[in-house]
N, C-alpha and C. Protein backbone atom coordinates (compact mmCIF):
# COMPACT_ATOMS: atom_id res chain seq x y z
N MET A 1 0.53 -1.02 0.01
CA MET A 1 -0.05 -0.06 0.05
C MET A 1 0.73 1.37 0.20
N ARG A 2 1.63 1.16 0.61
CA ARG A 2 2.85 2.23 0.86
C ARG A 2 3.63 2.58 -0.65
N ALA A 3 3.83 1.59 -1.43
CA ALA A 3 4.59 1.79 -2.52
C ALA A 3 3.46 2.62 -3.42
N LEU A 4 2.12 2.04 -3.58
CA LEU A 4 0.88 2.63 -4.21
C LEU A 4 0.75 3.84 -3.78
N ALA A 5 0.93 4.57 -2.50
CA ALA A 5 0.67 6.12 -2.15
C ALA A 5 2.29 6.80 -2.89
N ILE A 6 2.98 5.98 -2.55
CA ILE A 6 4.66 6.94 -3.04
C ILE A 6 4.12 6.95 -4.55
N HIS A 7 3.88 6.09 -5.53
CA HIS A 7 3.85 5.87 -6.95
C HIS A 7 2.35 7.34 -7.13
N LEU A 8 1.51 7.04 -6.16
CA LEU A 8 0.67 8.31 -6.65
C LEU A 8 1.10 9.37 -6.38
N ASP A 9 1.86 9.28 -5.37
CA ASP A 9 2.32 10.93 -4.92
C ASP A 9 3.09 11.62 -5.58
N GLN A 10 3.61 10.51 -6.75
CA GLN A 10 4.74 11.46 -7.58
C GLN A 10 4.24 10.88 -8.98
N ILE A 11 2.91 11.01 -9.27
CA ILE A 11 2.06 11.15 -10.17
C ILE A 11 1.40 12.47 -9.79
N SER A 12 1.14 12.87 -8.93
CA SER A 12 0.36 13.96 -8.43
C SER A 12 1.30 15.45 -8.44
N ALA A 13 2.70 14.80 -8.10
CA ALA A 13 3.86 15.77 -7.93
C ALA A 13 3.94 16.45 -9.43
N ALA A 14 3.93 15.41 -10.40
CA ALA A 14 4.44 15.52 -12.10
C ALA A 14 3.15 16.30 -12.69
N ILE A 15 2.01 15.88 -12.09
CA ILE A 15 0.80 16.60 -12.71
C ILE A 15 0.92 18.07 -12.13
N ASN A 16 1.45 18.25 -10.86
CA ASN A 16 1.31 19.23 -10.47
C ASN A 16 2.11 20.47 -10.64
N ARG A 17 3.40 20.18 -11.44
CA ARG A 17 4.47 20.80 -11.98
C ARG A 17 3.80 21.38 -13.26
N ILE A 18 3.63 20.59 -14.33
CA ILE A 18 2.72 20.89 -15.06
C ILE A 18 1.64 21.88 -15.06
N ALA A 19 1.06 21.99 -14.05
CA ALA A 19 -0.10 22.60 -13.49
C ALA A 19 0.55 24.19 -13.44
N LEU A 20 1.51 24.15 -12.44
CA LEU A 20 1.95 25.04 -12.15
C LEU A 20 2.69 25.92 -13.09
N TRP A 21 3.14 25.46 -14.25
CA TRP A 21 3.71 25.57 -15.67
C TRP A 21 2.38 26.39 -16.35
N GLY A 22 1.15 25.40 -16.03
CA GLY A 22 0.14 26.28 -17.13
C GLY A 22 -0.48 27.61 -16.52
N ALA A 23 -0.33 27.62 -15.24
CA ALA A 23 -0.87 28.56 -14.23
C ALA A 23 0.19 29.96 -14.56
N VAL A 24 1.42 29.66 -14.65
CA VAL A 24 2.72 30.87 -15.07
C VAL A 24 2.02 31.01 -16.48
N LEU A 25 1.88 30.21 -17.60
CA LEU A 25 1.98 31.00 -18.68
C LEU A 25 0.71 31.53 -18.58
N ALA A 26 -0.35 31.08 -17.95
CA ALA A 26 -2.13 31.85 -18.24
C ALA A 26 -1.82 33.38 -17.22
N VAL A 27 -0.93 33.35 -16.87
CA VAL A 27 -1.02 34.26 -15.89
C VAL A 27 0.11 35.36 -17.01
N LEU A 28 1.24 34.81 -17.47
CA LEU A 28 1.96 35.75 -18.39
C LEU A 28 0.91 35.94 -20.05
N ALA A 29 0.04 34.71 -20.18
CA ALA A 29 -0.96 35.57 -21.49
C ALA A 29 -2.01 36.58 -21.24
N MET A 30 -2.37 36.53 -19.64
CA MET A 30 -3.19 37.60 -18.89
C MET A 30 -2.39 39.02 -18.76
N LEU A 31 -1.17 38.91 -18.57
CA LEU A 31 -0.51 40.22 -18.63
C LEU A 31 0.08 40.86 -19.96
N GLY A 32 0.12 39.69 -20.89
CA GLY A 32 0.50 40.49 -22.11
C GLY A 32 -0.68 40.77 -22.63
N ALA A 33 -2.02 40.17 -22.89
CA ALA A 33 -2.99 40.76 -23.14
C ALA A 33 -3.64 42.17 -22.63
N ALA A 34 -3.36 41.59 -21.32
CA ALA A 34 -3.85 43.33 -20.94
C ALA A 34 -2.97 44.38 -20.55
N GLY A 35 -1.71 44.38 -20.82
CA GLY A 35 -0.34 44.96 -21.17
C GLY A 35 -0.78 45.44 -23.02
N TRP A 36 -1.07 44.79 -23.76
CA TRP A 36 -1.52 45.29 -25.25
C TRP A 36 -2.28 46.31 -25.37
N GLN A 37 -3.55 45.81 -24.70
CA GLN A 37 -4.62 46.48 -24.62
C GLN A 37 -4.49 47.93 -24.11
N VAL A 38 -3.36 48.22 -23.12
CA VAL A 38 -3.29 49.90 -22.40
C VAL A 38 -2.24 50.29 -23.58
N ILE A 39 -1.21 49.71 -24.05
CA ILE A 39 -0.36 50.52 -25.15
C ILE A 39 -1.34 50.68 -26.54
N ALA A 40 -2.07 49.52 -27.11
CA ALA A 40 -2.82 50.10 -27.84
C ALA A 40 -4.08 51.30 -27.66
N ARG A 41 -4.61 51.46 -26.48
CA ARG A 41 -5.57 52.12 -26.34
C ARG A 41 -5.02 53.38 -26.18
N TYR A 42 -4.12 53.54 -25.24
CA TYR A 42 -3.75 54.94 -24.97
C TYR A 42 -2.17 55.36 -25.84
N LEU A 43 -1.44 54.51 -26.56
CA LEU A 43 -0.61 54.76 -27.29
C LEU A 43 -1.12 55.13 -28.79
N LEU A 44 -1.59 53.60 -29.10
CA LEU A 44 -1.76 53.88 -30.57
C LEU A 44 -3.64 54.10 -30.59
N GLU A 45 -4.04 54.57 -29.73
CA GLU A 45 -5.71 54.55 -30.03
C GLU A 45 -6.37 54.30 -30.67
N ALA A 46 -5.96 52.52 -30.75
CA ALA A 46 -6.73 51.43 -31.65
C ALA A 46 -6.49 50.24 -31.03
N PRO A 47 -7.68 50.22 -29.49
CA PRO A 47 -7.85 48.92 -29.14
C PRO A 47 -8.01 47.81 -29.48
N PRO A 48 -7.30 46.31 -29.45
CA PRO A 48 -8.07 45.46 -30.20
C PRO A 48 -9.06 44.91 -29.44
N ILE A 49 -10.10 44.16 -29.85
CA ILE A 49 -11.38 43.88 -29.29
C ILE A 49 -11.04 42.40 -28.59
N TRP A 50 -10.00 41.68 -29.25
CA TRP A 50 -9.86 40.10 -28.32
C TRP A 50 -8.96 40.38 -26.84
N THR A 51 -8.14 41.41 -26.78
CA THR A 51 -7.22 41.42 -25.46
C THR A 51 -7.96 41.03 -24.06
N GLU A 52 -9.36 42.19 -23.77
CA GLU A 52 -10.10 41.90 -22.85
C GLU A 52 -10.50 40.23 -22.90
N GLU A 53 -11.03 39.83 -23.79
CA GLU A 53 -11.62 38.65 -23.54
C GLU A 53 -10.44 37.67 -22.98
N LEU A 54 -9.05 37.51 -24.01
CA LEU A 54 -7.81 36.47 -23.53
C LEU A 54 -7.30 36.35 -22.42
N ALA A 55 -7.70 38.03 -21.76
CA ALA A 55 -7.03 38.32 -20.25
C ALA A 55 -8.12 37.41 -19.18
N ARG A 56 -9.40 37.67 -19.76
CA ARG A 56 -10.11 36.98 -18.97
C ARG A 56 -10.53 35.76 -18.80
N ARG A 57 -10.10 34.89 -20.20
CA ARG A 57 -10.02 33.81 -20.20
C ARG A 57 -8.77 33.07 -19.55
N ALA A 58 -7.45 33.38 -19.64
CA ALA A 58 -6.55 33.38 -19.08
C ALA A 58 -6.52 33.45 -17.63
N MET A 59 -7.27 34.77 -17.11
CA MET A 59 -7.26 34.13 -15.67
C MET A 59 -7.79 33.33 -15.00
N VAL A 60 -9.23 32.67 -16.08
CA VAL A 60 -9.79 31.94 -15.23
C VAL A 60 -8.56 30.44 -15.27
N TRP A 61 -7.98 30.40 -15.90
CA TRP A 61 -7.28 29.02 -16.09
C TRP A 61 -6.07 28.93 -15.51
N ALA A 62 -5.38 30.28 -15.30
CA ALA A 62 -4.30 31.13 -14.11
C ALA A 62 -5.00 30.38 -12.79
N GLY A 63 -6.20 31.10 -12.49
CA GLY A 63 -6.68 30.65 -10.90
C GLY A 63 -7.24 29.34 -10.73
N MET A 64 -7.64 28.86 -11.46
CA MET A 64 -8.17 27.07 -11.63
C MET A 64 -6.84 26.22 -11.40
N LEU A 65 -5.68 26.27 -12.51
CA LEU A 65 -4.75 25.64 -12.12
C LEU A 65 -3.46 26.32 -10.83
N GLY A 66 -3.58 27.09 -10.64
CA GLY A 66 -3.09 27.91 -9.77
C GLY A 66 -3.76 27.32 -8.04
N ALA A 67 -5.15 27.45 -8.23
CA ALA A 67 -6.01 26.61 -6.96
C ALA A 67 -5.41 25.28 -6.98
N SER A 68 -5.48 24.35 -7.67
CA SER A 68 -4.77 23.08 -7.89
C SER A 68 -3.28 22.85 -7.27
N CYS A 69 -2.49 23.86 -7.63
CA CYS A 69 -1.18 23.94 -7.04
C CYS A 69 -1.18 24.18 -5.79
N ALA A 70 -2.06 25.21 -5.24
CA ALA A 70 -2.35 25.80 -3.65
C ALA A 70 -2.67 24.50 -3.00
N PHE A 71 -3.43 23.83 -3.43
CA PHE A 71 -3.86 22.73 -2.78
C PHE A 71 -2.93 21.58 -2.25
N ARG A 72 -2.24 21.48 -3.51
CA ARG A 72 -0.88 20.33 -3.16
C ARG A 72 -0.20 20.84 -2.29
N ALA A 73 0.08 22.22 -2.36
CA ALA A 73 1.50 22.70 -1.38
C ALA A 73 0.40 22.86 0.05
N ASN A 74 -0.44 22.44 0.15
CA ASN A 74 -1.36 23.00 1.50
C ASN A 74 -1.65 24.76 1.58
N ALA A 75 -1.19 24.92 0.73
CA ALA A 75 -1.45 26.54 0.66
C ALA A 75 -2.69 27.05 0.90
N ASP A 76 -3.87 26.05 0.63
CA ASP A 76 -4.96 26.73 0.22
C ASP A 76 -5.99 26.71 1.49
N PRO A 77 -6.75 27.91 1.42
CA PRO A 77 -7.43 28.42 2.50
C PRO A 77 -7.99 27.38 3.41
N THR A 78 -7.79 27.08 4.88
CA THR A 78 -8.29 25.71 5.80
C THR A 78 -8.59 26.63 6.75
N LEU A 79 -9.74 25.97 7.70
CA LEU A 79 -10.16 26.77 8.84
C LEU A 79 -8.97 26.38 10.08
N PHE A 80 -8.48 25.21 10.20
CA PHE A 80 -7.49 24.65 11.03
C PHE A 80 -6.28 24.00 10.42
N PRO A 81 -5.64 25.31 10.07
CA PRO A 81 -4.23 24.47 9.15
C PRO A 81 -3.23 23.69 9.80
N ASN A 82 -3.39 23.87 11.63
CA ASN A 82 -2.33 23.17 12.07
C ASN A 82 -2.94 21.70 12.48
N MET A 83 -4.10 21.37 11.62
CA MET A 83 -4.89 19.94 11.81
C MET A 83 -3.78 19.19 10.87
N ARG A 84 -3.16 19.59 10.06
CA ARG A 84 -1.84 18.64 9.25
C ARG A 84 -0.60 18.42 9.86
N ASN A 85 -0.51 19.07 11.43
CA ASN A 85 0.74 18.79 11.85
C ASN A 85 -0.13 17.44 12.98
N ILE A 86 -1.24 17.02 13.08
CA ILE A 86 -1.27 16.10 14.42
C ILE A 86 -0.90 14.92 13.29
N ALA A 87 -0.22 13.97 14.64
CA ALA A 87 -0.04 12.75 13.73
C ALA A 87 -0.71 11.61 14.60
N GLY A 88 -0.89 10.15 14.23
CA GLY A 88 -1.05 9.25 14.89
C GLY A 88 -2.73 9.02 14.41
N CYS A 89 -3.44 8.26 15.24
CA CYS A 89 -4.48 8.15 14.69
C CYS A 89 -5.71 9.39 14.48
N THR A 90 -5.46 10.48 15.44
CA THR A 90 -6.36 11.54 15.38
C THR A 90 -6.00 12.18 13.89
N GLY A 91 -4.64 11.82 13.70
CA GLY A 91 -4.40 12.89 12.39
C GLY A 91 -5.01 12.27 11.05
N ALA A 92 -4.94 10.59 11.11
CA ALA A 92 -5.56 9.70 9.98
C ALA A 92 -6.80 10.20 10.02
N LEU A 93 -7.68 10.29 11.10
CA LEU A 93 -9.06 10.34 11.28
C LEU A 93 -9.30 11.92 10.54
N LEU A 94 -8.63 13.04 11.04
CA LEU A 94 -8.73 14.60 10.48
C LEU A 94 -8.44 14.19 8.88
N SER A 95 -7.44 13.45 8.37
CA SER A 95 -7.25 13.60 7.11
C SER A 95 -8.41 13.00 6.51
N LEU A 96 -9.08 11.87 6.59
CA LEU A 96 -10.11 11.46 6.10
C LEU A 96 -11.47 12.31 6.03
N ILE A 97 -11.32 12.85 7.21
CA ILE A 97 -12.24 14.17 7.04
C ILE A 97 -12.38 15.40 6.00
N ARG A 98 -10.71 15.51 5.94
CA ARG A 98 -10.51 16.81 5.00
C ARG A 98 -10.81 15.94 3.78
N ALA A 99 -10.68 14.69 3.09
CA ALA A 99 -10.34 14.03 2.15
C ALA A 99 -12.55 13.77 1.48
N THR A 100 -12.76 13.38 2.46
CA THR A 100 -14.29 13.68 2.90
C THR A 100 -15.20 15.01 2.25
N GLY A 101 -14.52 16.19 2.67
CA GLY A 101 -14.81 17.84 2.28
C GLY A 101 -14.56 17.63 0.93
N VAL A 102 -13.11 17.37 0.44
CA VAL A 102 -13.00 17.26 -0.76
C VAL A 102 -13.78 16.70 -1.61
N ILE A 103 -14.31 15.87 -1.57
CA ILE A 103 -14.84 14.86 -2.53
C ILE A 103 -16.25 15.30 -2.54
N LEU A 104 -17.13 15.67 -1.21
CA LEU A 104 -18.43 16.32 -0.95
C LEU A 104 -18.48 17.87 -2.15
N PHE A 105 -17.23 18.25 -2.46
CA PHE A 105 -17.32 19.75 -2.90
C PHE A 105 -16.85 19.66 -4.36
N ALA A 106 -16.02 18.81 -4.85
CA ALA A 106 -15.47 18.28 -6.07
C ALA A 106 -16.47 17.60 -6.44
N THR A 107 -17.36 16.52 -6.39
CA THR A 107 -17.85 15.57 -7.10
C THR A 107 -19.31 16.17 -7.57
N PRO A 108 -19.70 17.34 -7.15
CA PRO A 108 -20.63 18.01 -7.89
C PRO A 108 -20.24 18.53 -9.00
N VAL A 109 -19.00 19.46 -9.01
CA VAL A 109 -18.48 20.35 -10.01
C VAL A 109 -18.16 19.32 -11.05
N ILE A 110 -17.58 18.24 -10.47
CA ILE A 110 -17.07 17.26 -11.59
C ILE A 110 -18.07 16.72 -12.50
N TRP A 111 -19.13 16.35 -11.77
CA TRP A 111 -20.69 15.33 -12.40
C TRP A 111 -21.15 16.85 -13.34
N TYR A 112 -21.40 17.58 -12.72
CA TYR A 112 -22.03 19.01 -13.77
C TYR A 112 -21.43 19.29 -14.75
N SER A 113 -20.60 19.27 -14.75
CA SER A 113 -19.46 19.59 -15.96
C SER A 113 -19.54 18.57 -16.90
N ILE A 114 -19.90 17.47 -16.62
CA ILE A 114 -20.18 16.36 -17.59
C ILE A 114 -21.35 16.23 -17.97
N PHE A 115 -22.24 15.78 -16.81
CA PHE A 115 -23.75 15.88 -17.24
C PHE A 115 -24.50 16.92 -16.80
N ASP A 116 -25.78 16.64 -17.21
CA ASP A 116 -26.68 17.69 -16.89
C ASP A 116 -27.66 16.77 -15.59
N ALA A 117 -28.79 17.37 -14.89
CA ALA A 117 -29.40 16.42 -14.21
C ALA A 117 -30.16 15.26 -14.50
N ARG A 118 -30.53 15.51 -15.86
CA ARG A 118 -31.07 14.24 -16.56
C ARG A 118 -29.95 13.77 -17.23
N MET A 119 -28.69 13.49 -17.11
CA MET A 119 -27.45 12.53 -17.20
C MET A 119 -27.50 12.62 -18.67
N ASN A 120 -27.45 13.93 -19.09
CA ASN A 120 -27.36 14.26 -20.84
C ASN A 120 -25.86 15.04 -20.94
N PRO A 121 -24.94 14.22 -21.55
CA PRO A 121 -23.61 14.95 -21.50
C PRO A 121 -23.92 16.29 -22.49
N ALA A 122 -24.63 16.25 -23.09
CA ALA A 122 -24.85 17.55 -24.29
C ALA A 122 -25.18 18.63 -23.30
N ARG A 123 -25.94 18.52 -22.41
CA ARG A 123 -26.19 19.77 -21.99
C ARG A 123 -25.39 19.85 -20.62
N GLY A 124 -24.22 18.87 -20.21
CA GLY A 124 -23.70 19.63 -19.02
C GLY A 124 -22.74 20.92 -19.50
N PHE A 125 -22.10 21.09 -18.37
CA PHE A 125 -21.11 22.13 -18.49
C PHE A 125 -20.53 22.49 -19.95
N LEU A 126 -19.76 21.42 -20.09
CA LEU A 126 -18.86 21.22 -21.04
C LEU A 126 -19.36 21.13 -22.28
N GLY A 127 -20.53 20.13 -22.58
CA GLY A 127 -21.22 20.00 -23.56
C GLY A 127 -22.13 21.19 -24.07
N ARG A 128 -22.74 21.96 -23.36
CA ARG A 128 -22.70 23.17 -23.61
C ARG A 128 -21.78 23.76 -24.10
N SER A 129 -20.71 24.08 -23.44
CA SER A 129 -19.93 24.89 -24.09
C SER A 129 -18.71 24.60 -25.49
N LEU A 130 -19.30 23.69 -25.91
CA LEU A 130 -18.81 22.43 -27.25
C LEU A 130 -19.07 23.30 -28.47
N ASN A 131 -20.22 23.72 -28.33
CA ASN A 131 -20.69 23.83 -29.67
C ASN A 131 -21.11 25.82 -29.50
N ARG A 132 -20.41 26.44 -28.50
CA ARG A 132 -20.44 27.88 -28.44
C ARG A 132 -18.87 28.37 -28.55
N GLN A 133 -18.61 29.74 -29.36
CA GLN A 133 -17.51 30.23 -29.41
C GLN A 133 -17.40 31.78 -28.57
N ALA A 134 -15.99 31.93 -28.39
CA ALA A 134 -15.80 33.05 -27.94
C ALA A 134 -16.49 34.23 -28.19
N GLU A 135 -16.85 35.13 -27.66
CA GLU A 135 -17.27 36.21 -28.39
C GLU A 135 -16.37 37.07 -29.39
N MET A 136 -15.17 37.17 -28.63
CA MET A 136 -14.28 37.61 -29.64
C MET A 136 -13.12 37.40 -29.91
N LEU A 137 -12.81 35.80 -29.49
CA LEU A 137 -11.59 35.04 -30.13
C LEU A 137 -12.45 33.79 -31.09
N ASP A 138 -11.62 33.59 -32.12
CA ASP A 138 -12.83 32.64 -32.69
C ASP A 138 -12.12 31.30 -32.22
N VAL A 139 -12.37 30.81 -31.19
CA VAL A 139 -12.04 29.42 -30.37
C VAL A 139 -13.21 29.11 -29.68
N PRO A 140 -13.54 27.75 -29.66
CA PRO A 140 -14.79 27.49 -29.28
C PRO A 140 -14.39 27.47 -27.88
N MET A 141 -15.31 27.80 -26.91
CA MET A 141 -15.66 27.94 -25.34
C MET A 141 -15.20 26.93 -24.72
N ILE A 142 -14.94 25.55 -25.40
CA ILE A 142 -14.83 24.64 -24.10
C ILE A 142 -13.13 24.59 -23.97
N TRP A 143 -12.59 25.15 -24.56
CA TRP A 143 -10.80 25.53 -24.46
C TRP A 143 -10.72 26.75 -23.11
N PHE A 144 -11.81 26.95 -22.95
CA PHE A 144 -11.88 28.11 -21.50
C PHE A 144 -12.47 27.36 -20.57
N THR A 145 -13.96 26.72 -20.92
CA THR A 145 -14.43 26.14 -19.74
C THR A 145 -14.22 24.66 -19.12
N SER A 146 -12.94 24.10 -19.67
CA SER A 146 -12.44 22.94 -19.35
C SER A 146 -11.72 23.18 -18.46
N ALA A 147 -11.18 24.42 -18.08
CA ALA A 147 -10.45 24.57 -16.96
C ALA A 147 -10.82 24.09 -15.35
N VAL A 148 -12.31 24.34 -15.47
CA VAL A 148 -12.90 24.09 -14.36
C VAL A 148 -13.11 22.64 -13.94
N PRO A 149 -13.23 21.49 -14.84
CA PRO A 149 -13.23 20.12 -13.91
C PRO A 149 -11.77 19.49 -14.30
N LEU A 150 -11.17 20.48 -14.74
CA LEU A 150 -9.53 19.55 -14.87
C LEU A 150 -9.00 19.81 -13.60
N ALA A 151 -9.41 21.12 -13.06
CA ALA A 151 -8.69 21.62 -12.18
C ALA A 151 -9.30 20.82 -11.04
N PHE A 152 -10.10 20.48 -10.58
CA PHE A 152 -11.41 19.79 -9.78
C PHE A 152 -10.57 17.93 -9.80
N VAL A 153 -10.54 17.97 -11.21
CA VAL A 153 -9.91 16.66 -11.14
C VAL A 153 -8.46 16.32 -10.43
N ILE A 154 -7.64 17.58 -11.00
CA ILE A 154 -6.15 17.44 -10.08
C ILE A 154 -6.58 17.74 -8.96
N ILE A 155 -7.44 18.42 -8.34
CA ILE A 155 -7.49 18.27 -6.83
C ILE A 155 -8.06 16.84 -6.14
N VAL A 156 -8.60 16.78 -6.78
CA VAL A 156 -8.86 15.23 -6.35
C VAL A 156 -7.55 14.10 -6.41
N LEU A 157 -7.19 14.00 -7.23
CA LEU A 157 -5.98 13.57 -7.51
C LEU A 157 -5.00 13.62 -6.46
N HIS A 158 -4.78 14.83 -6.20
CA HIS A 158 -3.51 15.53 -5.08
C HIS A 158 -4.38 15.14 -3.48
N MET A 159 -5.50 15.12 -3.25
CA MET A 159 -6.44 15.02 -2.39
C MET A 159 -5.97 13.20 -1.80
N ILE A 160 -6.54 12.82 -3.07
CA ILE A 160 -5.73 10.92 -2.92
C ILE A 160 -4.47 10.76 -2.61
N ALA A 161 -3.32 11.15 -3.09
CA ALA A 161 -1.99 10.83 -2.92
C ALA A 161 -1.82 11.43 -1.46
N GLY A 162 -2.24 12.56 -1.58
CA GLY A 162 -1.97 13.20 -0.05
C GLY A 162 -2.24 12.26 1.17
N THR A 163 -3.46 11.82 1.06
CA THR A 163 -4.58 10.94 2.12
C THR A 163 -3.92 9.76 2.25
N LEU A 164 -3.20 9.02 0.91
CA LEU A 164 -2.48 7.93 0.98
C LEU A 164 -1.42 7.84 1.82
N MET A 165 -0.47 8.95 1.45
CA MET A 165 0.64 9.34 1.86
C MET A 165 0.52 9.55 3.48
N ARG A 166 -0.22 10.10 4.03
CA ARG A 166 -0.48 10.31 5.56
C ARG A 166 -1.17 9.06 5.99
N LEU A 167 -1.79 8.32 5.34
CA LEU A 167 -2.75 7.17 6.54
C LEU A 167 -1.31 5.55 6.00
N THR A 168 -0.39 5.85 5.20
CA THR A 168 0.68 4.69 5.21
C THR A 168 1.68 5.10 5.75
N ASN A 169 1.89 6.63 6.23
CA ASN A 169 3.21 6.93 6.92
C ASN A 169 2.90 6.76 8.28
N PRO A 170 3.80 6.26 9.01
CA PRO A 170 3.28 6.15 10.76
C PRO A 170 4.11 7.39 11.34
N VAL A 171 4.40 8.02 10.83
CA VAL A 171 5.05 9.10 11.65
C VAL A 171 4.69 10.73 10.60
N LYS A 172 4.72 11.57 11.46
CA LYS A 172 4.43 12.73 10.74
C LYS A 172 5.81 13.22 10.18
N THR A 173 5.70 13.44 8.95
CA THR A 173 6.33 13.96 7.75
C THR A 173 6.47 15.27 7.57
N PRO A 174 7.38 16.47 7.38
CA PRO A 174 7.37 17.74 7.09
C PRO A 174 6.94 17.79 5.92
N LEU A 175 5.95 18.79 5.36
CA LEU A 175 5.18 19.24 3.93
C LEU A 175 6.55 19.35 3.30
N SER A 176 5.60 18.13 2.17
CA SER A 176 6.45 18.01 0.85
C SER A 176 6.61 19.39 -0.07
N ASP A 177 7.84 19.57 -0.73
CA ASP A 177 7.87 20.48 -1.61
C ASP A 177 6.63 20.75 -2.60
N PRO A 178 6.03 21.50 -2.83
CA PRO A 178 4.97 21.39 -3.88
C PRO A 178 5.37 21.56 -5.48
N ILE A 179 6.83 21.82 -6.14
CA ILE A 179 6.84 22.01 -6.67
C ILE A 179 7.85 20.07 -7.42
N SER A 180 8.86 19.94 -6.23
CA SER A 180 9.44 18.47 -6.92
C SER A 180 8.81 17.54 -6.33
N PRO A 181 8.54 16.23 -6.27
CA PRO A 181 8.42 14.68 -5.88
C PRO A 181 8.81 14.75 -4.68
N THR A 182 7.67 14.07 -3.80
CA THR A 182 8.30 13.67 -2.36
C THR A 182 9.37 12.59 -2.52
N LYS A 183 10.64 12.98 -2.05
CA LYS A 183 11.60 11.89 -2.12
C LYS A 183 11.33 10.85 -0.77
N VAL A 184 11.34 9.56 -1.31
CA VAL A 184 11.28 8.91 -0.09
C VAL A 184 12.35 7.71 0.04
């Protein structure tokens, strides 16, 4: 079981690195689009119509991918941050309670991203986005809306890896580096 936990944690760390790069690139795209809009508006007096929408869509990707990275790094907002420092059976129980909370929050988001209330994938969040175009960008909306379920799937993966690492490790370990995989 420990080997599975380590392997899943390494996968989680690798996906976290990819998500972190994605978040950084999205922030850079957002800053580039907003910067170009300012330059074009005030210096060239000809603002392009696509910059505001690109900046908004990049902000969504940056926020969602950044949230998944924050979750992996244990930098997400929490009511009881010292809970992670409790070892033993109490720490394991608290870890399972946290996992339950993540599942209860993430499952409906992922589910309704794929299906609607009648189990119709064409009417789910992604299905509705598939046939819509962005207003100013000639890109299907699914390229932007897929950030939400993708980030929640990554968060669930991080939660499973973190919970398994916590449950299979008999002693308290320091928080792992959010960028590099856990060394064991």
